[in-house]
């Protein structure tokens, strides 16, 4: 898992499923953040690049492309998806990496903790050595906003 987060530039390919919450708010937030429509077993590609301490993550969910930018800010990892900026922290628990959301800034507005989404995201390796992920965001009232999970393996970068 360490090599996944430390090897830049990198490309990974695999498979992913995307689930959305049922409400109009959940679907709207997922769309604004750049996530595709809900679908199962899509081809998945992740390209990671870095420039001046900012990491560009380009996710290809089937035919849909989603781009986010991440950087370190104090003890937090900040990741920007469309008009949303998440301040997150991670912790290693055995052979799993758990990622939690601490703060959200939406359209430039610092949301109070009572409106900040929650996350139960985890990353690990499976028995086959594939990098597996289960990334999710829930509203503070525990409604699913978006979840995507799947697996990926290193893939050669184009020359």
Protein backbone atom coordinates (compact mmCIF):
# COMPACT_ATOMS: atom_id res chain seq x y z
CA UNK A 1 0.00 0.00 0.00
CA UNK A 2 2.88 2.34 0.72
CA UNK A 3 4.13 2.03 -2.87
CA UNK A 4 0.66 2.97 -4.14
CA UNK A 5 0.77 6.28 -2.27
CA UNK A 6 4.45 6.99 -2.93
CA UNK A 7 4.95 6.04 -6.60
CA UNK A 8 4.33 9.13 -8.75
CA UNK A 9 3.55 9.32 -11.63
CA UNK A 10 1.50 6.14 -11.69
CA UNK A 11 -1.31 4.37 -13.49
CA UNK A 12 -3.59 1.69 -12.08
CA UNK A 13 -6.34 -0.25 -13.82
CA UNK A 14 -9.09 -2.45 -12.47
CA UNK A 15 -12.80 -2.57 -11.86
CA UNK A 16 -15.20 -0.37 -9.87
CA UNK A 17 -18.86 -0.10 -8.86
CA UNK A 18 -20.52 3.24 -8.05
CA UNK A 19 -23.56 3.71 -5.80
CA UNK A 20 -25.43 6.95 -5.09
CA UNK A 21 -27.82 7.95 -2.36
CA UNK A 22 -31.49 8.08 -3.31
CA UNK A 23 -32.27 11.73 -2.53
CA UNK A 24 -31.95 14.62 -4.96
CA UNK A 25 -29.34 16.15 -2.61
CA UNK A 26 -27.15 13.05 -2.70
CA UNK A 27 -27.37 12.74 -6.50
CA UNK A 28 -26.69 16.48 -6.96
CA UNK A 29 -23.66 16.46 -4.65
CA UNK A 30 -22.22 13.37 -6.38
CA UNK A 31 -22.68 14.96 -9.80
CA UNK A 32 -21.15 18.30 -8.69
CA UNK A 33 -18.18 16.42 -7.24
CA UNK A 34 -17.63 14.80 -10.65
CA UNK A 35 -18.77 11.24 -9.97
CA UNK A 36 -20.48 9.19 -12.67
CA UNK A 37 -23.98 7.74 -12.57
CA UNK A 38 -24.41 4.62 -10.47
CA UNK A 39 -23.17 1.49 -12.24
CA UNK A 40 -21.70 -1.91 -11.40
CA UNK A 41 -18.47 -3.52 -12.57
CA UNK A 42 -17.11 -0.66 -14.68
CA UNK A 43 -13.58 -0.68 -16.07
CA UNK A 44 -11.51 1.64 -13.87
CA UNK A 45 -8.30 3.57 -14.43
CA UNK A 46 -6.50 5.90 -12.04
CA UNK A 47 -3.67 8.17 -13.16
CA UNK A 48 -1.73 10.08 -10.49
CA UNK A 49 0.58 13.00 -11.26
CA UNK A 50 2.30 15.53 -8.99
CA UNK A 51 3.39 19.10 -9.57
CA UNK A 52 4.67 21.42 -6.83
CA UNK A 53 3.15 19.32 -4.04
CA UNK A 54 -0.31 19.04 -5.64
CA UNK A 55 -1.42 15.59 -6.74
CA UNK A 56 -3.79 15.31 -9.67
CA UNK A 57 -5.92 12.16 -9.52
CA UNK A 58 -7.68 11.36 -12.79
CA UNK A 59 -10.21 8.58 -12.33
CA UNK A 60 -11.77 6.92 -15.37
CA UNK A 61 -15.04 5.17 -14.43
CA UNK A 62 -15.93 3.40 -17.69
CA UNK A 63 -16.33 6.33 -20.10
CA UNK A 64 -16.68 8.99 -17.36
CA UNK A 65 -13.63 10.98 -16.23
CA UNK A 66 -13.41 12.53 -12.77
CA UNK A 67 -10.48 14.71 -11.68
CA UNK A 68 -9.54 15.76 -8.17
CA UNK A 69 -6.54 17.55 -6.70
CA UNK A 70 -4.97 16.68 -3.34
CA UNK A 71 -2.28 18.24 -1.17
CA UNK A 72 -1.05 18.22 2.40
CA UNK A 73 -2.24 21.00 4.69
CA UNK A 74 -0.85 20.62 8.21
CA UNK A 75 -1.94 17.24 9.54
CA UNK A 76 -4.64 16.88 6.89
CA UNK A 77 -4.86 15.70 3.34
CA UNK A 78 -7.01 18.14 1.38
CA UNK A 79 -8.79 16.91 -1.70
CA UNK A 80 -10.82 19.13 -4.03
CA UNK A 81 -13.68 17.64 -6.03
CA UNK A 82 -15.45 20.31 -8.09
CA UNK A 83 -16.80 22.94 -5.64
CA UNK A 84 -16.06 20.74 -2.59
CA UNK A 85 -12.85 20.65 -0.57
CA UNK A 86 -12.44 17.90 2.02
CA UNK A 87 -9.94 17.94 4.88
CA UNK A 88 -9.23 14.34 5.77
CA UNK A 89 -6.98 12.27 7.98
CA UNK A 90 -5.92 8.67 7.67
CA UNK A 91 -4.87 6.01 10.10
CA UNK A 92 -3.34 2.59 9.63
CA UNK A 93 -5.19 -0.21 11.39
CA UNK A 94 -3.36 -3.50 10.85
CA UNK A 95 -3.16 -3.98 7.09
CA UNK A 96 -5.89 -1.43 6.30
CA UNK A 97 -5.79 2.32 5.75
CA UNK A 98 -8.87 4.11 7.08
CA UNK A 99 -9.72 7.57 5.75
CA UNK A 100 -12.04 9.97 7.59
CA UNK A 101 -13.44 13.39 6.70
CA UNK A 102 -12.82 16.09 9.31
CA UNK A 103 -14.08 19.19 7.51
CA UNK A 104 -15.77 20.23 4.28
CA UNK A 105 -15.68 23.52 2.45
CA UNK A 106 -18.45 23.83 -0.14
CA UNK A 107 -18.51 26.66 -2.68
CA UNK A 108 -15.90 28.44 -0.52
CA UNK A 109 -18.02 28.21 2.65
CA UNK A 110 -16.64 26.45 5.72
CA UNK A 111 -19.42 24.07 6.71
CA UNK A 112 -20.13 23.56 10.41
CA UNK A 113 -19.32 20.12 11.77
CA UNK A 114 -23.05 19.34 11.89
CA UNK A 115 -23.16 19.56 8.07
CA UNK A 116 -19.82 17.91 7.29
CA UNK A 117 -20.14 14.51 5.55
CA UNK A 118 -18.78 11.42 7.25
CA UNK A 119 -16.67 8.70 5.67
CA UNK A 120 -16.00 5.04 6.29
CA UNK A 121 -13.40 4.70 3.55
CA UNK A 122 -10.83 1.92 3.65
CA UNK A 123 -7.98 0.76 1.44
CA UNK A 124 -6.06 -2.52 1.65
CA UNK A 125 -4.55 -5.35 -0.37
CA UNK A 126 -6.48 -8.54 -1.13
CA UNK A 127 -5.16 -12.12 -1.24
CA UNK A 128 -4.25 -11.69 -4.92
CA UNK A 129 -2.13 -8.60 -4.14
CA UNK A 130 -4.64 -6.22 -5.74
CA UNK A 131 -5.18 -2.81 -4.21
CA UNK A 132 -8.82 -2.80 -3.01
CA UNK A 133 -10.75 0.28 -2.00
CA UNK A 134 -14.14 1.15 -0.57
CA UNK A 135 -14.58 4.93 -0.65
CA UNK A 136 -17.76 6.48 0.72
CA UNK A 137 -19.33 9.68 1.95
CA UNK A 138 -22.45 9.90 4.09
CA UNK A 139 -24.46 12.92 5.17
CA UNK A 140 -24.34 13.77 8.88
CA UNK A 141 -27.80 12.15 9.15
CA UNK A 142 -26.26 8.93 7.72
CA UNK A 143 -27.72 9.07 4.22
CA UNK A 144 -25.41 7.69 1.56
CA UNK A 145 -24.10 10.44 -0.73
CA UNK A 146 -21.72 8.41 -2.90
CA UNK A 147 -19.78 5.18 -2.62
CA UNK A 148 -17.39 3.53 -5.01
CA UNK A 149 -15.51 0.32 -4.44
CA UNK A 150 -13.38 -2.04 -6.41
CA UNK A 151 -9.84 -3.11 -7.06
CA UNK A 152 -6.86 -2.06 -9.17
CA UNK A 153 -3.33 -3.15 -10.05
CA UNK A 154 -0.31 -1.20 -11.34
CA UNK A 155 -0.36 -0.65 -15.09
CA UNK A 156 2.41 0.68 -17.36
CA UNK A 157 2.38 4.38 -18.13
CA UNK A 158 2.34 5.33 -21.81
CA UNK A 159 5.73 6.31 -23.24
